[in-house]
């Protein structure tokens, strides 16, 4: 099994991990990498795809992660589907040694040709890669709770008395999204909201005892970054423009987090500039980008 030092693409993340967690950061990345490498032989992982997908010429073992070695570089990666849509396949690159993204793209297109992937996805530091065939899929935001700013004293987080109020608020807010964003961002479903409510992880954002939004946080991990992950955050359009969402994040960090040294983490869709501004205003900087590299004919060519 290859060590973290054998994958130079992980070097920026190793530096980030040290910045976020100090010495334990290396262990976070190494443990996550070991899990991803184990998926090269994990039949249960492969069946989590093949039990629900029937594609011509594709066997269950094709869904395993792969280590691919070539003269120009090596990679560890596996098949994924955007929005669980089998018509939108892409290859998740866990780690690689390629010096040129074109060479990486050609390797990916050839190795996973049975899926006809449309793109590969890389993790990079913010803004580290751009170009005409490159699109930011998601941005990852993280900060220690103690490092978030002070919340507005008028913004509170309290349990919803009726979970159906949260469901209705969330659904109403998503109906107001722009058509482009609505195609790419989905509301938390009612079952999840009910489960989070039962677990005490769903809160109403209130101002003067009026519920203006919904906020759900639960323990999670984004790749190798552990913390409390924001799973839903909406503010009713009638109450927009007052920075209630950013203050809800700060309020959660100040009053609800069990450990002020833990990180409040989350992913934001590349098109969701408003949520990105909210995270950064709260004190949660953009620490990683998940970037799609389109497998165009020019990239797949020789």
C-alpha atoms as a PDB file:
ATOM      1  CA  UNK A   1       0.000   0.000   0.000  1.00  0.00           C
ATOM      2  CA  UNK A   2       1.413   3.346  -1.032  1.00  0.00           C
ATOM      3  CA  UNK A   3       2.043   5.938   1.678  1.00  0.00           C
ATOM      4  CA  UNK A   4       0.957   9.540   1.638  1.00  0.00           C
ATOM      5  CA  UNK A   5       4.478  10.618   0.659  1.00  0.00           C
ATOM      6  CA  UNK A   6       4.148   8.622  -2.583  1.00  0.00           C
ATOM      7  CA  UNK A   7       1.298  10.859  -3.794  1.00  0.00           C
ATOM      8  CA  UNK A   8       2.585  14.405  -4.468  1.00  0.00           C
ATOM      9  CA  UNK A   9      -0.928  15.610  -5.315  1.00  0.00           C
ATOM     10  CA  UNK A  10      -1.711  15.318  -1.590  1.00  0.00           C
ATOM     11  CA  UNK A  11       1.089  17.679  -0.523  1.00  0.00           C
ATOM     12  CA  UNK A  12      -1.129  20.817  -0.496  1.00  0.00           C
ATOM     13  CA  UNK A  13      -3.730  18.968   1.573  1.00  0.00           C
ATOM     14  CA  UNK A  14      -1.079  17.774   3.986  1.00  0.00           C
ATOM     15  CA  UNK A  15      -0.064  21.410   4.502  1.00  0.00           C
ATOM     16  CA  UNK A  16      -3.726  22.383   4.943  1.00  0.00           C
ATOM     17  CA  UNK A  17      -4.253  19.586   7.453  1.00  0.00           C
ATOM     18  CA  UNK A  18      -1.346  20.854   9.540  1.00  0.00           C
ATOM     19  CA  UNK A  19      -2.795  24.356   9.424  1.00  0.00           C
ATOM     20  CA  UNK A  20      -6.227  23.150  10.539  1.00  0.00           C
ATOM     21  CA  UNK A  21      -5.292  20.481  13.082  1.00  0.00           C
ATOM     22  CA  UNK A  22      -1.592  20.765  13.844  1.00  0.00           C
ATOM     23  CA  UNK A  23       0.303  17.489  14.211  1.00  0.00           C
ATOM     24  CA  UNK A  24      -2.881  15.313  14.151  1.00  0.00           C
ATOM     25  CA  UNK A  25      -3.638  16.661  10.660  1.00  0.00           C
ATOM     26  CA  UNK A  26      -1.194  14.217   9.080  1.00  0.00           C
ATOM     27  CA  UNK A  27      -2.985  11.318  10.738  1.00  0.00           C
ATOM     28  CA  UNK A  28      -6.350  12.523   9.430  1.00  0.00           C
ATOM     29  CA  UNK A  29      -5.101  12.518   5.839  1.00  0.00           C
ATOM     30  CA  UNK A  30      -3.246   9.211   6.207  1.00  0.00           C
ATOM     31  CA  UNK A  31      -6.262   7.429   7.734  1.00  0.00           C
ATOM     32  CA  UNK A  32      -8.569   8.732   4.999  1.00  0.00           C
ATOM     33  CA  UNK A  33      -6.105   7.659   2.292  1.00  0.00           C
ATOM     34  CA  UNK A  34      -5.922   4.153   3.780  1.00  0.00           C
ATOM     35  CA  UNK A  35      -9.733   3.922   3.627  1.00  0.00           C
ATOM     36  CA  UNK A  36      -9.759   4.970  -0.016  1.00  0.00           C
ATOM     37  CA  UNK A  37      -6.995   2.505  -0.908  1.00  0.00           C
ATOM     38  CA  UNK A  38      -8.935  -0.272   0.831  1.00  0.00           C
ATOM     39  CA  UNK A  39     -11.788   0.335  -1.611  1.00  0.00           C
ATOM     40  CA  UNK A  40      -9.670  -1.238  -4.359  1.00  0.00           C
ATOM     41  CA  UNK A  41     -10.654  -4.622  -2.900  1.00  0.00           C
ATOM     42  CA  UNK A  42     -13.863  -3.831  -0.968  1.00  0.00           C
ATOM     43  CA  UNK A  43     -16.620  -5.851  -2.653  1.00  0.00           C
ATOM     44  CA  UNK A  44     -19.278  -4.335  -0.401  1.00  0.00           C
ATOM     45  CA  UNK A  45     -18.292  -0.886  -1.656  1.00  0.00           C
ATOM     46  CA  UNK A  46     -18.556  -2.056  -5.258  1.00  0.00           C
ATOM     47  CA  UNK A  47     -21.975  -3.583  -4.581  1.00  0.00           C
ATOM     48  CA  UNK A  48     -23.215  -0.255  -3.197  1.00  0.00           C
ATOM     49  CA  UNK A  49     -23.145   0.769  -6.873  1.00  0.00           C
ATOM     50  CA  UNK A  50     -23.802  -2.478  -8.750  1.00  0.00           C
ATOM     51  CA  UNK A  51     -26.795  -3.495  -6.627  1.00  0.00           C
ATOM     52  CA  UNK A  52     -28.622  -0.426  -7.934  1.00  0.00           C
ATOM     53  CA  UNK A  53     -27.078   0.128 -11.374  1.00  0.00           C
ATOM     54  CA  UNK A  54     -27.198  -2.167 -14.385  1.00  0.00           C
ATOM     55  CA  UNK A  55     -24.992  -0.863 -17.189  1.00  0.00           C
ATOM     56  CA  UNK A  56     -24.097  -2.914 -20.279  1.00  0.00           C
ATOM     57  CA  UNK A  57     -20.581  -4.323 -20.232  1.00  0.00           C
ATOM     58  CA  UNK A  58     -19.986  -3.266 -16.619  1.00  0.00           C
ATOM     59  CA  UNK A  59     -19.381  -5.760 -13.799  1.00  0.00           C
ATOM     60  CA  UNK A  60     -19.509  -5.179 -10.068  1.00  0.00           C
ATOM     61  CA  UNK A  61     -15.710  -5.147  -9.812  1.00  0.00           C
ATOM     62  CA  UNK A  62     -15.566  -2.197 -12.227  1.00  0.00           C
ATOM     63  CA  UNK A  63     -16.938  -0.005  -9.423  1.00  0.00           C
ATOM     64  CA  UNK A  64     -13.938  -0.690  -7.195  1.00  0.00           C
ATOM     65  CA  UNK A  65     -11.338   2.020  -6.804  1.00  0.00           C
ATOM     66  CA  UNK A  66      -8.279   1.437  -8.956  1.00  0.00           C
ATOM     67  CA  UNK A  67      -4.581   2.162  -8.799  1.00  0.00           C
ATOM     68  CA  UNK A  68      -3.477   2.859 -12.365  1.00  0.00           C
ATOM     69  CA  UNK A  69       0.210   3.025 -13.242  1.00  0.00           C
ATOM     70  CA  UNK A  70       1.516   4.582 -16.463  1.00  0.00           C
ATOM     71  CA  UNK A  71       4.778   5.999 -17.766  1.00  0.00           C
ATOM     72  CA  UNK A  72       3.537   9.554 -17.244  1.00  0.00           C
ATOM     73  CA  UNK A  73       2.069   9.056 -13.804  1.00  0.00           C
ATOM     74  CA  UNK A  74      -0.001   6.957 -11.415  1.00  0.00           C
ATOM     75  CA  UNK A  75      -3.422   7.556  -9.923  1.00  0.00           C
ATOM     76  CA  UNK A  76      -5.891   6.250  -7.378  1.00  0.00           C
ATOM     77  CA  UNK A  77      -9.517   6.876  -8.281  1.00  0.00           C
ATOM     78  CA  UNK A  78     -12.994   5.518  -8.873  1.00  0.00           C
ATOM     79  CA  UNK A  79     -16.286   6.002 -10.678  1.00  0.00           C
ATOM     80  CA  UNK A  80     -18.948   8.393  -9.369  1.00  0.00           C
ATOM     81  CA  UNK A  81     -22.208   9.829 -10.738  1.00  0.00           C
ATOM     82  CA  UNK A  82     -23.224  13.469 -10.420  1.00  0.00           C
ATOM     83  CA  UNK A  83     -26.431  13.723  -8.432  1.00  0.00           C
ATOM     84  CA  UNK A  84     -26.611   9.888  -8.549  1.00  0.00           C
ATOM     85  CA  UNK A  85     -27.555  10.244 -12.218  1.00  0.00           C
ATOM     86  CA  UNK A  86     -26.082   7.392 -14.260  1.00  0.00           C
ATOM     87  CA  UNK A  87     -26.084   9.667 -17.306  1.00  0.00           C
ATOM     88  CA  UNK A  88     -23.565  11.964 -15.579  1.00  0.00           C
ATOM     89  CA  UNK A  89     -20.558   9.767 -14.767  1.00  0.00           C
ATOM     90  CA  UNK A  90     -17.236  11.178 -13.605  1.00  0.00           C
ATOM     91  CA  UNK A  91     -14.048   9.825 -12.069  1.00  0.00           C
ATOM     92  CA  UNK A  92     -13.098  10.891  -8.565  1.00  0.00           C
ATOM     93  CA  UNK A  93      -9.324  11.277  -8.316  1.00  0.00           C
ATOM     94  CA  UNK A  94      -8.214  10.414  -4.801  1.00  0.00           C
ATOM     95  CA  UNK A  95      -4.511  10.983  -5.418  1.00  0.00           C
ATOM     96  CA  UNK A  96      -2.104  11.065  -8.365  1.00  0.00           C
ATOM     97  CA  UNK A  97       1.490  11.681  -9.456  1.00  0.00           C
ATOM     98  CA  UNK A  98       0.803  13.280 -12.860  1.00  0.00           C
ATOM     99  CA  UNK A  99       2.544  16.539 -13.682  1.00  0.00           C
ATOM    100  CA  UNK A 100       0.139  17.445 -16.494  1.00  0.00           C
ATOM    101  CA  UNK A 101      -3.646  17.456 -16.237  1.00  0.00           C
ATOM    102  CA  UNK A 102      -3.947  16.532 -19.924  1.00  0.00           C
ATOM    103  CA  UNK A 103      -1.983  13.336 -19.345  1.00  0.00           C
ATOM    104  CA  UNK A 104      -4.179  12.606 -16.326  1.00  0.00           C
ATOM    105  CA  UNK A 105      -7.328  13.141 -18.399  1.00  0.00           C
ATOM    106  CA  UNK A 106      -6.146  10.802 -21.152  1.00  0.00           C
ATOM    107  CA  UNK A 107      -5.336   8.099 -18.608  1.00  0.00           C
ATOM    108  CA  UNK A 108      -8.765   8.444 -16.969  1.00  0.00           C
ATOM    109  CA  UNK A 109     -10.674   8.375 -20.266  1.00  0.00           C
ATOM    110  CA  UNK A 110      -8.916   5.184 -21.349  1.00  0.00           C
ATOM    111  CA  UNK A 111      -9.048   3.350 -18.011  1.00  0.00           C
ATOM    112  CA  UNK A 112     -12.755   3.972 -17.337  1.00  0.00           C
ATOM    113  CA  UNK A 113     -13.918   3.910 -20.972  1.00  0.00           C
ATOM    114  CA  UNK A 114     -16.735   1.443 -20.165  1.00  0.00           C
ATOM    115  CA  UNK A 115     -18.474   4.254 -18.246  1.00  0.00           C
ATOM    116  CA  UNK A 116     -17.812   6.966 -20.862  1.00  0.00           C
ATOM    117  CA  UNK A 117     -17.095   9.507 -18.085  1.00  0.00           C
ATOM    118  CA  UNK A 118     -17.747  13.155 -18.855  1.00  0.00           C
ATOM    119  CA  UNK A 119     -15.164  14.528 -16.434  1.00  0.00           C
ATOM    120  CA  UNK A 120     -12.687  13.815 -13.691  1.00  0.00           C
ATOM    121  CA  UNK A 121     -12.806  15.574 -10.341  1.00  0.00           C
ATOM    122  CA  UNK A 122      -9.825  16.869  -8.408  1.00  0.00           C
ATOM    123  CA  UNK A 123      -9.399  18.442  -4.993  1.00  0.00           C
ATOM    124  CA  UNK A 124      -7.251  21.568  -5.136  1.00  0.00           C
ATOM    125  CA  UNK A 125      -6.467  24.566  -3.012  1.00  0.00           C
ATOM    126  CA  UNK A 126      -8.777  27.453  -3.953  1.00  0.00           C
ATOM    127  CA  UNK A 127      -8.078  28.848  -7.399  1.00  0.00           C
ATOM    128  CA  UNK A 128      -5.115  26.545  -8.012  1.00  0.00           C
ATOM    129  CA  UNK A 129      -6.414  25.325 -11.373  1.00  0.00           C
ATOM    130  CA  UNK A 130      -8.550  27.001 -14.024  1.00  0.00           C
ATOM    131  CA  UNK A 131      -9.183  26.948 -17.750  1.00  0.00           C
ATOM    132  CA  UNK A 132     -11.915  26.582 -20.357  1.00  0.00           C
ATOM    133  CA  UNK A 133     -12.589  22.905 -19.548  1.00  0.00           C
ATOM    134  CA  UNK A 134     -12.538  23.365 -15.771  1.00  0.00           C
ATOM    135  CA  UNK A 135     -15.528  24.080 -13.523  1.00  0.00           C
ATOM    136  CA  UNK A 136     -15.665  24.403  -9.733  1.00  0.00           C
ATOM    137  CA  UNK A 137     -18.165  21.799  -8.533  1.00  0.00           C
ATOM    138  CA  UNK A 138     -18.061  22.588  -4.818  1.00  0.00           C
ATOM    139  CA  UNK A 139     -16.057  24.608  -2.353  1.00  0.00           C
ATOM    140  CA  UNK A 140     -15.179  23.272   1.105  1.00  0.00           C
ATOM    141  CA  UNK A 141     -15.287  25.650   4.070  1.00  0.00           C
ATOM    142  CA  UNK A 142     -13.926  25.001   7.552  1.00  0.00           C
ATOM    143  CA  UNK A 143     -12.956  26.850  10.708  1.00  0.00           C
ATOM    144  CA  UNK A 144     -12.651  26.110  14.394  1.00  0.00           C
ATOM    145  CA  UNK A 145     -15.727  27.202  16.282  1.00  0.00           C
ATOM    146  CA  UNK A 146     -13.598  29.407  18.496  1.00  0.00           C
ATOM    147  CA  UNK A 147     -12.377  31.276  15.412  1.00  0.00           C
ATOM    148  CA  UNK A 148     -15.807  32.303  14.167  1.00  0.00           C
ATOM    149  CA  UNK A 149     -16.903  35.854  14.909  1.00  0.00           C
ATOM    150  CA  UNK A 150     -19.289  36.970  17.622  1.00  0.00           C
ATOM    151  CA  UNK A 151     -22.980  36.368  16.795  1.00  0.00           C
ATOM    152  CA  UNK A 152     -25.583  39.107  16.745  1.00  0.00           C
ATOM    153  CA  UNK A 153     -27.249  38.908  20.187  1.00  0.00           C
ATOM    154  CA  UNK A 154     -30.659  39.110  18.512  1.00  0.00           C
ATOM    155  CA  UNK A 155     -30.137  35.935  16.492  1.00  0.00           C
ATOM    156  CA  UNK A 156     -30.950  32.714  18.347  1.00  0.00           C
ATOM    157  CA  UNK A 157     -31.152  29.011  17.555  1.00  0.00           C
ATOM    158  CA  UNK A 158     -34.019  27.089  19.135  1.00  0.00           C
ATOM    159  CA  UNK A 159     -35.696  23.742  18.385  1.00  0.00           C
ATOM    160  CA  UNK A 160     -38.688  23.822  16.065  1.00  0.00           C
ATOM    161  CA  UNK A 161     -41.851  23.127  18.022  1.00  0.00           C
ATOM    162  CA  UNK A 162     -43.262  21.345  14.959  1.00  0.00           C
ATOM    163  CA  UNK A 163     -40.913  19.718  12.499  1.00  0.00           C
ATOM    164  CA  UNK A 164     -43.423  20.283   9.699  1.00  0.00           C
ATOM    165  CA  UNK A 165     -42.748  24.014  10.060  1.00  0.00           C
ATOM    166  CA  UNK A 166     -39.116  23.345   9.228  1.00  0.00           C
ATOM    167  CA  UNK A 167     -40.079  21.152   6.267  1.00  0.00           C
ATOM    168  CA  UNK A 168     -42.390  23.833   4.880  1.00  0.00           C
ATOM    169  CA  UNK A 169     -39.822  26.598   5.413  1.00  0.00           C
ATOM    170  CA  UNK A 170     -37.063  24.654   3.640  1.00  0.00           C
ATOM    171  CA  UNK A 171     -39.260  23.642   0.727  1.00  0.00           C
ATOM    172  CA  UNK A 172     -40.599  27.177   0.292  1.00  0.00           C
ATOM    173  CA  UNK A 173     -37.089  28.626   0.194  1.00  0.00           C
ATOM    174  CA  UNK A 174     -35.857  26.164  -2.424  1.00  0.00           C
ATOM    175  CA  UNK A 175     -38.820  27.012  -4.650  1.00  0.00           C
ATOM    176  CA  UNK A 176     -37.404  30.532  -4.945  1.00  0.00           C
ATOM    177  CA  UNK A 177     -33.972  29.465  -6.226  1.00  0.00           C
ATOM    178  CA  UNK A 178     -32.888  30.512  -9.678  1.00  0.00           C
ATOM    179  CA  UNK A 179     -33.568  27.836 -12.323  1.00  0.00           C
ATOM    180  CA  UNK A 180     -29.865  27.108 -12.811  1.00  0.00           C
ATOM    181  CA  UNK A 181     -29.160  26.716  -9.101  1.00  0.00           C
ATOM    182  CA  UNK A 182     -32.356  24.688  -8.603  1.00  0.00           C
ATOM    183  CA  UNK A 183     -31.066  22.131 -11.132  1.00  0.00           C
ATOM    184  CA  UNK A 184     -27.925  21.601  -9.074  1.00  0.00           C
ATOM    185  CA  UNK A 185     -28.909  22.071  -5.432  1.00  0.00           C
ATOM    186  CA  UNK A 186     -31.505  19.937  -3.663  1.00  0.00           C
ATOM    187  CA  UNK A 187     -33.282  20.636  -0.394  1.00  0.00           C
ATOM    188  CA  UNK A 188     -32.874  18.255   2.515  1.00  0.00           C
ATOM    189  CA  UNK A 189     -35.726  15.776   2.291  1.00  0.00           C
ATOM    190  CA  UNK A 190     -38.438  15.618   4.932  1.00  0.00           C
ATOM    191  CA  UNK A 191     -37.173  12.297   6.344  1.00  0.00           C
ATOM    192  CA  UNK A 192     -33.746  13.770   7.013  1.00  0.00           C
ATOM    193  CA  UNK A 193     -35.247  16.892   8.570  1.00  0.00           C
ATOM    194  CA  UNK A 194     -37.413  14.760  10.850  1.00  0.00           C
ATOM    195  CA  UNK A 195     -34.433  12.615  11.865  1.00  0.00           C
ATOM    196  CA  UNK A 196     -32.292  15.670  12.582  1.00  0.00           C
ATOM    197  CA  UNK A 197     -35.142  17.208  14.586  1.00  0.00           C
ATOM    198  CA  UNK A 198     -35.458  14.043  16.685  1.00  0.00           C
ATOM    199  CA  UNK A 199     -31.701  14.059  17.299  1.00  0.00           C
ATOM    200  CA  UNK A 200     -31.647  17.718  18.348  1.00  0.00           C
ATOM    201  CA  UNK A 201     -29.597  18.680  15.289  1.00  0.00           C
ATOM    202  CA  UNK A 202     -32.188  20.912  13.580  1.00  0.00           C
ATOM    203  CA  UNK A 203     -32.797  24.453  14.815  1.00  0.00           C
ATOM    204  CA  UNK A 204     -34.969  27.394  13.943  1.00  0.00           C
ATOM    205  CA  UNK A 205     -33.092  30.625  13.328  1.00  0.00           C
ATOM    206  CA  UNK A 206     -35.112  33.137  15.311  1.00  0.00           C
ATOM    207  CA  UNK A 207     -35.137  36.914  15.591  1.00  0.00           C
ATOM    208  CA  UNK A 208     -37.456  38.468  18.196  1.00  0.00           C
ATOM    209  CA  UNK A 209     -39.008  35.001  18.668  1.00  0.00           C
ATOM    210  CA  UNK A 210     -39.915  34.779  14.964  1.00  0.00           C
ATOM    211  CA  UNK A 211     -38.543  31.834  12.970  1.00  0.00           C
ATOM    212  CA  UNK A 212     -36.719  33.323   9.975  1.00  0.00           C
ATOM    213  CA  UNK A 213     -34.813  30.236   8.855  1.00  0.00           C
ATOM    214  CA  UNK A 214     -33.693  26.668   9.477  1.00  0.00           C
ATOM    215  CA  UNK A 215     -30.239  25.390  10.370  1.00  0.00           C
ATOM    216  CA  UNK A 216     -29.124  21.757  10.653  1.00  0.00           C
ATOM    217  CA  UNK A 217     -25.691  20.568  11.799  1.00  0.00           C
ATOM    218  CA  UNK A 218     -24.558  17.038  12.558  1.00  0.00           C
ATOM    219  CA  UNK A 219     -21.224  15.228  13.056  1.00  0.00           C
ATOM    220  CA  UNK A 220     -19.535  14.489   9.759  1.00  0.00           C
ATOM    221  CA  UNK A 221     -16.398  14.409   7.683  1.00  0.00           C
ATOM    222  CA  UNK A 222     -15.593  15.915   4.306  1.00  0.00           C
ATOM    223  CA  UNK A 223     -12.860  13.745   2.822  1.00  0.00           C
ATOM    224  CA  UNK A 224     -10.262  13.812   5.629  1.00  0.00           C
ATOM    225  CA  UNK A 225     -11.631  16.908   7.415  1.00  0.00           C
ATOM    226  CA  UNK A 226     -13.669  15.911  10.517  1.00  0.00           C
ATOM    227  CA  UNK A 227     -16.057  18.228  12.299  1.00  0.00           C
ATOM    228  CA  UNK A 228     -19.661  19.266  12.636  1.00  0.00           C
ATOM    229  CA  UNK A 229     -21.097  19.550   9.149  1.00  0.00           C
ATOM    230  CA  UNK A 230     -23.783  21.969   8.018  1.00  0.00           C
ATOM    231  CA  UNK A 231     -26.409  19.910   6.199  1.00  0.00           C
ATOM    232  CA  UNK A 232     -29.077  22.555   5.718  1.00  0.00           C
ATOM    233  CA  UNK A 233     -29.183  26.322   6.049  1.00  0.00           C
ATOM    234  CA  UNK A 234     -31.972  28.527   4.713  1.00  0.00           C
ATOM    235  CA  UNK A 235     -33.382  31.950   5.522  1.00  0.00           C
ATOM    236  CA  UNK A 236     -36.873  32.865   4.384  1.00  0.00           C
ATOM    237  CA  UNK A 237     -36.786  35.305   1.476  1.00  0.00           C
ATOM    238  CA  UNK A 238     -38.894  37.789   3.460  1.00  0.00           C
ATOM    239  CA  UNK A 239     -36.024  38.051   5.950  1.00  0.00           C
ATOM    240  CA  UNK A 240     -33.088  37.987   3.529  1.00  0.00           C
ATOM    241  CA  UNK A 241     -30.373  40.615   3.521  1.00  0.00           C
ATOM    242  CA  UNK A 242     -29.843  40.830   7.280  1.00  0.00           C
ATOM    243  CA  UNK A 243     -26.939  38.329   7.539  1.00  0.00           C
ATOM    244  CA  UNK A 244     -29.024  35.995   9.701  1.00  0.00           C
ATOM    245  CA  UNK A 245     -27.430  32.882   8.185  1.00  0.00           C
ATOM    246  CA  UNK A 246     -23.866  33.915   8.990  1.00  0.00           C
ATOM    247  CA  UNK A 247     -24.907  34.843  12.537  1.00  0.00           C
ATOM    248  CA  UNK A 248     -26.665  31.475  12.870  1.00  0.00           C
ATOM    249  CA  UNK A 249     -23.332  29.791  12.151  1.00  0.00           C
ATOM    250  CA  UNK A 250     -21.619  31.946  14.738  1.00  0.00           C
ATOM    251  CA  UNK A 251     -24.423  31.305  17.254  1.00  0.00           C
ATOM    252  CA  UNK A 252     -24.131  27.544  16.747  1.00  0.00           C
ATOM    253  CA  UNK A 253     -20.366  27.727  17.298  1.00  0.00           C
ATOM    254  CA  UNK A 254     -20.765  29.869  20.415  1.00  0.00           C
ATOM    255  CA  UNK A 255     -23.704  28.179  22.141  1.00  0.00           C
ATOM    256  CA  UNK A 256     -24.360  24.693  20.771  1.00  0.00           C
ATOM    257  CA  UNK A 257     -21.030  23.162  19.777  1.00  0.00           C
ATOM    258  CA  UNK A 258     -19.884  20.671  22.380  1.00  0.00           C
ATOM    259  CA  UNK A 259     -16.235  21.551  21.692  1.00  0.00           C
ATOM    260  CA  UNK A 260     -15.148  25.043  20.726  1.00  0.00           C
ATOM    261  CA  UNK A 261     -11.999  23.570  19.177  1.00  0.00           C
ATOM    262  CA  UNK A 262     -13.937  21.414  16.718  1.00  0.00           C
ATOM    263  CA  UNK A 263     -14.377  22.605  13.150  1.00  0.00           C
ATOM    264  CA  UNK A 264     -17.629  23.748  11.606  1.00  0.00           C
ATOM    265  CA  UNK A 265     -17.425  22.360   8.074  1.00  0.00           C
ATOM    266  CA  UNK A 266     -19.510  22.219   4.923  1.00  0.00           C
ATOM    267  CA  UNK A 267     -19.559  22.094   1.130  1.00  0.00           C
ATOM    268  CA  UNK A 268     -21.147  24.741  -1.083  1.00  0.00           C
ATOM    269  CA  UNK A 269     -22.085  24.311  -4.732  1.00  0.00           C
ATOM    270  CA  UNK A 270     -19.882  26.199  -7.147  1.00  0.00           C
ATOM    271  CA  UNK A 271     -22.827  28.294  -8.379  1.00  0.00           C
ATOM    272  CA  UNK A 272     -24.027  29.223  -4.896  1.00  0.00           C
ATOM    273  CA  UNK A 273     -22.162  32.491  -4.435  1.00  0.00           C
ATOM    274  CA  UNK A 274     -24.568  33.747  -1.770  1.00  0.00           C
ATOM    275  CA  UNK A 275     -23.895  30.788   0.530  1.00  0.00           C
ATOM    276  CA  UNK A 276     -20.165  31.156  -0.082  1.00  0.00           C
ATOM    277  CA  UNK A 277     -20.297  34.800   1.012  1.00  0.00           C
ATOM    278  CA  UNK A 278     -22.283  33.747   4.086  1.00  0.00           C
ATOM    279  CA  UNK A 279     -19.699  31.151   5.112  1.00  0.00           C
ATOM    280  CA  UNK A 280     -16.807  33.536   4.673  1.00  0.00           C
ATOM    281  CA  UNK A 281     -18.639  36.326   6.506  1.00  0.00           C
ATOM    282  CA  UNK A 282     -19.201  33.941   9.421  1.00  0.00           C
ATOM    283  CA  UNK A 283     -15.472  33.229   9.535  1.00  0.00           C
ATOM    284  CA  UNK A 284     -15.350  29.909   7.664  1.00  0.00           C
ATOM    285  CA  UNK A 285     -12.869  30.367   4.790  1.00  0.00           C
ATOM    286  CA  UNK A 286     -12.766  28.404   1.573  1.00  0.00           C
ATOM    287  CA  UNK A 287     -10.069  25.781   2.148  1.00  0.00           C
ATOM    288  CA  UNK A 288     -10.519  23.335  -0.756  1.00  0.00           C
ATOM    289  CA  UNK A 289     -12.096  23.299  -4.209  1.00  0.00           C
ATOM    290  CA  UNK A 290     -13.638  20.241  -5.860  1.00  0.00           C
ATOM    291  CA  UNK A 291     -12.966  20.874  -9.530  1.00  0.00           C
ATOM    292  CA  UNK A 292     -14.357  19.124 -12.606  1.00  0.00           C
ATOM    293  CA  UNK A 293     -11.993  18.732 -15.538  1.00  0.00           C
ATOM    294  CA  UNK A 294     -14.053  17.977 -18.641  1.00  0.00           C
ATOM    295  CA  UNK A 295     -12.843  14.996 -20.659  1.00  0.00           C
ATOM    296  CA  UNK A 296     -13.155  16.810 -23.975  1.00  0.00           C
ATOM    297  CA  UNK A 297     -11.837  15.341 -27.214  1.00  0.00           C
ATOM    298  CA  UNK A 298      -8.855  17.686 -27.031  1.00  0.00           C
ATOM    299  CA  UNK A 299      -7.944  16.417 -23.550  1.00  0.00           C
ATOM    300  CA  UNK A 300      -8.596  12.765 -24.413  1.00  0.00           C
ATOM    301  CA  UNK A 301      -6.595  12.963 -27.631  1.00  0.00           C
ATOM    302  CA  UNK A 302      -2.959  12.088 -27.978  1.00  0.00           C
END
